[in-house]
N, C-alpha and C. Protein backbone atom coordinates (compact mmCIF):
# COMPACT_ATOMS: atom_id res chain seq x y z
N MET A 1 21.31 9.05 3.54
CA MET A 1 20.00 9.27 3.25
C MET A 1 19.22 8.60 4.04
N THR A 2 17.94 8.70 4.37
CA THR A 2 16.95 8.48 5.05
C THR A 2 15.95 7.64 4.11
N PRO A 3 15.63 6.34 4.23
CA PRO A 3 14.99 5.70 3.34
C PRO A 3 13.44 6.07 3.67
N ARG A 4 12.93 5.87 2.18
CA ARG A 4 11.37 6.22 1.88
C ARG A 4 10.56 5.17 2.66
N ARG A 5 9.53 5.67 3.31
CA ARG A 5 8.94 4.55 4.15
C ARG A 5 7.22 4.51 3.04
N VAL A 6 7.25 3.03 2.48
CA VAL A 6 6.05 3.16 1.77
C VAL A 6 5.00 2.18 2.49
N LEU A 7 3.81 2.80 2.68
CA LEU A 7 2.57 1.99 3.11
C LEU A 7 1.83 1.36 2.24
N PHE A 8 1.49 0.41 2.06
CA PHE A 8 0.39 -0.50 0.78
C PHE A 8 -0.64 -0.93 1.62
N LEU A 9 -1.73 -0.75 0.74
CA LEU A 9 -3.04 -0.76 1.31
C LEU A 9 -3.98 -1.76 0.51
N CYS A 10 -5.00 -2.45 0.99
CA CYS A 10 -5.76 -3.17 -0.06
C CYS A 10 -6.81 -3.33 0.82
N SER A 11 -7.89 -4.23 0.51
CA SER A 11 -9.34 -4.28 1.39
C SER A 11 -8.70 -5.18 2.83
N ARG A 12 -8.38 -6.11 2.49
CA ARG A 12 -8.53 -7.23 3.75
C ARG A 12 -7.18 -7.52 4.02
N HIS A 13 -5.93 -7.11 3.54
CA HIS A 13 -4.53 -7.54 3.70
C HIS A 13 -4.33 -9.15 3.45
N ARG A 14 -4.51 -9.55 2.55
CA ARG A 14 -4.54 -10.95 2.52
C ARG A 14 -3.37 -11.50 1.22
N LEU A 15 -4.02 -10.42 0.18
CA LEU A 15 -3.40 -10.77 -1.02
C LEU A 15 -2.13 -9.57 -1.24
N ARG A 16 -2.94 -8.80 -1.91
CA ARG A 16 -2.30 -7.35 -3.03
C ARG A 16 -1.33 -6.83 -1.95
N SER A 17 -1.85 -6.25 -0.85
CA SER A 17 -0.62 -5.30 -0.27
C SER A 17 0.12 -6.26 0.35
N PRO A 18 0.11 -7.42 0.92
CA PRO A 18 0.93 -8.18 1.39
C PRO A 18 2.16 -8.43 0.11
N THR A 19 1.55 -8.78 -0.98
CA THR A 19 2.49 -9.22 -1.84
C THR A 19 3.31 -7.63 -2.28
N ALA A 20 2.83 -6.61 -2.40
CA ALA A 20 3.26 -5.49 -2.64
C ALA A 20 4.61 -5.25 -1.51
N ALA A 21 4.02 -5.61 -0.76
CA ALA A 21 5.14 -5.83 0.88
C ALA A 21 6.30 -6.23 0.55
N ALA A 22 6.22 -7.68 0.12
CA ALA A 22 7.43 -8.62 -0.07
C ALA A 22 8.02 -8.05 -1.24
N VAL A 23 7.45 -7.83 -2.37
CA VAL A 23 8.29 -7.28 -3.45
C VAL A 23 9.18 -6.19 -3.10
N PHE A 24 8.55 -5.42 -2.93
CA PHE A 24 9.82 -3.85 -2.46
C PHE A 24 10.40 -4.21 -1.28
N ALA A 25 10.07 -4.83 -0.38
CA ALA A 25 11.01 -4.87 1.04
C ALA A 25 12.54 -5.24 0.38
N ALA A 26 12.80 -5.36 -0.26
CA ALA A 26 14.34 -5.67 -0.73
C ALA A 26 14.70 -4.70 -1.71
N TRP A 27 13.81 -3.55 -2.32
CA TRP A 27 14.65 -2.62 -3.01
C TRP A 27 15.39 -1.56 -1.79
N PRO A 28 16.79 -1.26 -2.51
CA PRO A 28 17.55 -0.45 -1.48
C PRO A 28 16.52 0.83 -1.28
N GLY A 29 16.83 1.83 -0.21
CA GLY A 29 16.26 3.12 0.41
C GLY A 29 14.86 2.92 0.98
N LEU A 30 14.28 1.93 0.86
CA LEU A 30 12.80 1.75 1.31
C LEU A 30 12.71 0.64 2.30
N GLU A 31 11.55 1.46 2.84
CA GLU A 31 11.29 0.61 4.60
C GLU A 31 9.64 0.38 3.73
N VAL A 32 9.26 -0.79 4.01
CA VAL A 32 7.73 -1.02 3.70
C VAL A 32 6.91 -1.18 4.98
N ASP A 33 5.45 -1.35 4.52
CA ASP A 33 4.67 -1.72 5.63
C ASP A 33 3.53 -1.66 4.69
N SER A 34 2.27 -2.70 5.25
CA SER A 34 1.23 -2.74 4.61
C SER A 34 -0.10 -3.39 5.84
N ALA A 35 -0.95 -2.82 5.33
CA ALA A 35 -2.28 -3.27 6.04
C ALA A 35 -3.73 -3.35 5.31
N GLY A 36 -4.76 -3.61 5.85
CA GLY A 36 -6.26 -3.62 5.14
C GLY A 36 -7.12 -2.42 5.35
N LEU A 37 -7.71 -2.32 5.01
CA LEU A 37 -8.70 -1.02 5.33
C LEU A 37 -10.08 -1.53 5.80
N ALA A 38 -10.30 -2.95 5.30
CA ALA A 38 -11.77 -3.33 6.00
C ALA A 38 -11.81 -3.54 7.08
N ASP A 39 -12.97 -3.98 8.09
CA ASP A 39 -12.88 -4.13 9.37
C ASP A 39 -12.78 -5.70 9.68
N ASP A 40 -12.63 -6.31 8.47
CA ASP A 40 -12.26 -8.00 9.07
C ASP A 40 -11.04 -8.42 8.54
N ALA A 41 -9.88 -7.27 8.18
CA ALA A 41 -8.52 -7.18 7.58
C ALA A 41 -7.87 -7.99 8.50
N GLU A 42 -6.80 -8.85 8.06
CA GLU A 42 -5.93 -9.50 8.70
C GLU A 42 -4.87 -9.17 9.60
N THR A 43 -4.66 -7.92 8.86
CA THR A 43 -3.83 -6.87 9.72
C THR A 43 -4.60 -5.58 9.31
N PRO A 44 -5.45 -4.96 10.32
CA PRO A 44 -6.05 -3.72 10.00
C PRO A 44 -5.27 -2.56 9.95
N LEU A 45 -5.64 -1.46 9.32
CA LEU A 45 -4.34 -0.14 9.37
C LEU A 45 -4.43 0.44 10.61
N ASP A 46 -3.27 0.31 11.22
CA ASP A 46 -3.44 1.27 12.49
C ASP A 46 -2.57 2.80 12.34
N PRO A 47 -3.34 3.69 12.81
CA PRO A 47 -3.39 5.33 12.20
C PRO A 47 -1.83 5.50 12.73
N ALA A 48 -0.85 5.03 13.61
CA ALA A 48 0.32 5.01 13.65
C ALA A 48 1.54 4.68 12.10
N GLN A 49 0.62 3.74 11.40
CA GLN A 49 1.27 3.50 10.27
C GLN A 49 1.07 4.57 9.35
N LEU A 50 0.18 5.48 9.29
CA LEU A 50 -0.21 6.42 8.34
C LEU A 50 1.11 7.36 8.90
N ASP A 51 1.50 7.69 10.03
CA ASP A 51 2.15 8.60 10.81
C ASP A 51 3.66 8.59 10.39
N TRP A 52 3.74 7.18 9.88
CA TRP A 52 5.29 6.64 9.94
C TRP A 52 5.29 6.72 8.03
N ALA A 53 4.23 6.40 7.43
CA ALA A 53 4.54 6.76 6.09
C ALA A 53 4.92 8.29 5.35
N ASP A 54 6.01 7.66 4.40
CA ASP A 54 5.90 9.22 3.34
C ASP A 54 4.82 8.76 2.13
N LEU A 55 4.75 7.58 1.78
CA LEU A 55 3.97 7.30 0.48
C LEU A 55 3.14 6.14 0.93
N VAL A 56 1.82 6.57 0.50
CA VAL A 56 0.59 5.55 0.77
C VAL A 56 0.38 5.29 -0.60
N VAL A 57 0.18 3.71 -1.01
CA VAL A 57 -0.20 2.88 -2.03
C VAL A 57 -1.14 2.39 -2.06
N VAL A 58 -2.55 2.54 -2.60
CA VAL A 58 -3.83 1.91 -2.42
C VAL A 58 -4.01 1.10 -3.49
N MET A 59 -4.41 0.14 -3.68
CA MET A 59 -4.97 -0.71 -4.93
C MET A 59 -5.95 -0.24 -5.81
N GLU A 60 -6.92 0.59 -5.00
CA GLU A 60 -8.20 0.92 -5.93
C GLU A 60 -8.53 2.07 -5.10
N ALA A 61 -9.38 2.94 -6.40
CA ALA A 61 -9.62 4.31 -6.22
C ALA A 61 -10.53 4.17 -4.73
N ARG A 62 -11.18 3.25 -4.46
CA ARG A 62 -12.29 3.31 -3.49
C ARG A 62 -11.46 2.77 -2.04
N HIS A 63 -10.09 2.50 -2.24
CA HIS A 63 -9.36 2.59 -1.09
C HIS A 63 -8.50 3.84 -0.64
N ALA A 64 -8.57 4.46 -1.17
CA ALA A 64 -8.31 6.20 -1.39
C ALA A 64 -9.61 6.56 -0.71
N ARG A 65 -11.05 6.42 -1.07
CA ARG A 65 -11.70 7.00 -0.76
C ARG A 65 -12.40 6.79 0.67
N ARG A 66 -11.97 5.40 1.11
CA ARG A 66 -12.40 4.89 2.34
C ARG A 66 -11.14 5.52 3.31
N LEU A 67 -9.73 5.51 2.83
CA LEU A 67 -8.81 5.95 3.71
C LEU A 67 -9.03 7.84 4.24
N ARG A 68 -9.74 8.58 3.22
CA ARG A 68 -9.71 9.85 3.51
C ARG A 68 -10.71 9.87 4.52
N GLN A 69 -11.90 9.10 4.25
CA GLN A 69 -13.19 9.39 4.94
C GLN A 69 -12.88 8.81 6.45
N ARG A 70 -12.15 7.72 6.56
CA ARG A 70 -11.80 6.95 8.11
C ARG A 70 -10.74 8.06 8.49
N PHE A 71 -9.54 8.46 7.95
CA PHE A 71 -8.39 8.62 8.52
C PHE A 71 -7.84 9.74 8.02
N GLY A 72 -8.65 10.82 7.37
CA GLY A 72 -8.35 12.11 6.44
C GLY A 72 -7.12 13.13 7.13
N SER A 73 -8.29 12.91 8.79
CA SER A 73 -7.00 14.04 9.78
C SER A 73 -5.83 13.75 9.74
N ARG A 74 -5.48 12.10 9.18
CA ARG A 74 -3.84 11.99 9.73
C ARG A 74 -3.08 12.02 8.57
N LEU A 75 -3.81 12.25 7.27
CA LEU A 75 -3.02 12.38 6.18
C LEU A 75 -2.14 13.22 5.99
N GLY A 76 -2.59 14.44 6.46
CA GLY A 76 -1.78 15.78 6.20
C GLY A 76 -1.57 16.07 4.86
N GLY A 77 -0.53 16.20 4.33
CA GLY A 77 0.01 16.51 3.16
C GLY A 77 0.59 15.32 2.51
N LYS A 78 0.15 13.93 3.05
CA LYS A 78 0.74 13.00 2.30
C LYS A 78 0.15 12.45 1.12
N ARG A 79 1.07 11.76 0.27
CA ARG A 79 1.11 11.53 -1.33
C ARG A 79 -0.02 9.89 -1.23
N VAL A 80 -0.89 9.75 -1.37
CA VAL A 80 -1.90 8.70 -1.59
C VAL A 80 -1.83 8.69 -3.25
N VAL A 81 -1.43 7.50 -3.72
CA VAL A 81 -1.44 6.86 -5.08
C VAL A 81 -2.22 5.93 -5.37
N SER A 82 -3.11 5.70 -6.18
CA SER A 82 -3.99 4.73 -6.56
C SER A 82 -3.38 3.82 -7.47
N ILE A 83 -3.32 2.64 -7.80
CA ILE A 83 -2.19 2.00 -8.97
C ILE A 83 -3.42 1.20 -9.43
N ASP A 84 -4.66 1.41 -9.10
CA ASP A 84 -5.83 0.27 -10.14
C ASP A 84 -5.39 -1.21 -10.18
N ILE A 85 -5.67 -2.23 -9.01
CA ILE A 85 -5.34 -3.14 -9.34
C ILE A 85 -6.44 -3.89 -8.51
N PRO A 86 -7.14 -4.37 -9.53
CA PRO A 86 -8.37 -5.34 -9.10
C PRO A 86 -7.98 -6.63 -7.82
N ASP A 87 -9.20 -6.70 -7.26
CA ASP A 87 -8.82 -7.98 -6.21
C ASP A 87 -8.98 -9.31 -7.31
N ARG A 88 -8.37 -9.59 -7.83
CA ARG A 88 -8.26 -11.01 -8.47
C ARG A 88 -6.79 -11.70 -8.73
N TYR A 89 -6.09 -11.91 -7.94
CA TYR A 89 -4.90 -12.43 -7.79
C TYR A 89 -4.47 -13.16 -6.54
N ALA A 90 -3.90 -13.91 -6.67
CA ALA A 90 -3.14 -14.67 -5.88
C ALA A 90 -2.21 -14.03 -5.04
N PHE A 91 -1.81 -14.31 -3.43
CA PHE A 91 -0.70 -13.77 -3.26
C PHE A 91 0.66 -14.30 -3.96
N MET A 92 1.27 -13.18 -4.41
CA MET A 92 2.67 -13.62 -4.93
C MET A 92 2.69 -14.32 -6.46
N GLN A 93 1.37 -14.04 -6.93
CA GLN A 93 0.74 -14.53 -8.37
C GLN A 93 1.80 -13.87 -9.40
N PRO A 94 2.48 -14.50 -9.98
CA PRO A 94 3.65 -13.58 -11.23
C PRO A 94 2.91 -12.51 -12.07
N GLU A 95 1.73 -12.56 -12.21
CA GLU A 95 0.97 -11.80 -13.00
C GLU A 95 1.07 -10.33 -12.00
N LEU A 96 0.41 -10.41 -11.01
CA LEU A 96 0.40 -9.45 -9.41
C LEU A 96 1.78 -8.77 -9.33
N VAL A 97 2.80 -9.51 -9.02
CA VAL A 97 4.37 -9.05 -9.33
C VAL A 97 4.42 -7.89 -10.37
N ALA A 98 3.96 -8.31 -11.22
CA ALA A 98 4.69 -7.82 -12.28
C ALA A 98 3.78 -6.39 -12.61
N LEU A 99 2.97 -6.88 -12.36
CA LEU A 99 1.67 -5.08 -12.12
C LEU A 99 2.37 -4.28 -11.36
N LEU A 100 2.66 -4.73 -10.40
CA LEU A 100 3.30 -3.93 -8.76
C LEU A 100 4.54 -3.17 -9.15
N GLU A 101 5.48 -4.09 -9.93
CA GLU A 101 6.72 -3.38 -10.37
C GLU A 101 6.36 -2.69 -11.40
N GLN A 102 5.68 -2.74 -12.22
CA GLN A 102 4.96 -1.94 -13.56
C GLN A 102 4.59 -0.23 -12.96
N ARG A 103 3.66 -0.74 -12.04
CA ARG A 103 2.83 0.57 -11.83
C ARG A 103 3.51 0.94 -10.04
N VAL A 104 4.06 0.67 -9.44
CA VAL A 104 4.92 1.28 -8.45
C VAL A 104 5.97 1.81 -8.59
N GLY A 105 6.98 0.53 -9.43
CA GLY A 105 8.41 1.23 -9.51
C GLY A 105 8.47 2.49 -9.66
N PRO A 106 7.97 3.30 -10.74
CA PRO A 106 8.21 4.60 -11.09
C PRO A 106 8.13 5.63 -10.26
N LEU A 107 7.03 5.12 -9.01
CA LEU A 107 6.67 5.87 -8.22
C LEU A 107 8.00 5.98 -7.04
N LEU A 108 8.40 5.01 -6.94
CA LEU A 108 9.71 4.83 -6.21
C LEU A 108 10.98 5.50 -6.70
N ARG A 109 11.36 5.21 -8.17
CA ARG A 109 12.64 5.89 -8.55
C ARG A 109 12.61 7.51 -8.51
């Protein structure tokens, strides 16, 4: 079976999306990547990442809007899901990990 490819996006790629990638990297049948949508992101989104992904998970609805504005032509019929996690957690903070597992886990089963 081909692994599902999941791309996690947040604003600056410092806390939420890197945590999501770390949490789900060990899940069987998944390949994960992450990036940021802000101009000053640690790892800015590369359009090739969108081409690669089967599922795009954004942390907030505003990320989905920005993604569609800037990269809409690259999305095709890709599923983009907002999981509504605000930017108030530290990298790998247990509460953030629990929220990610709760909100993303069902999307991946």
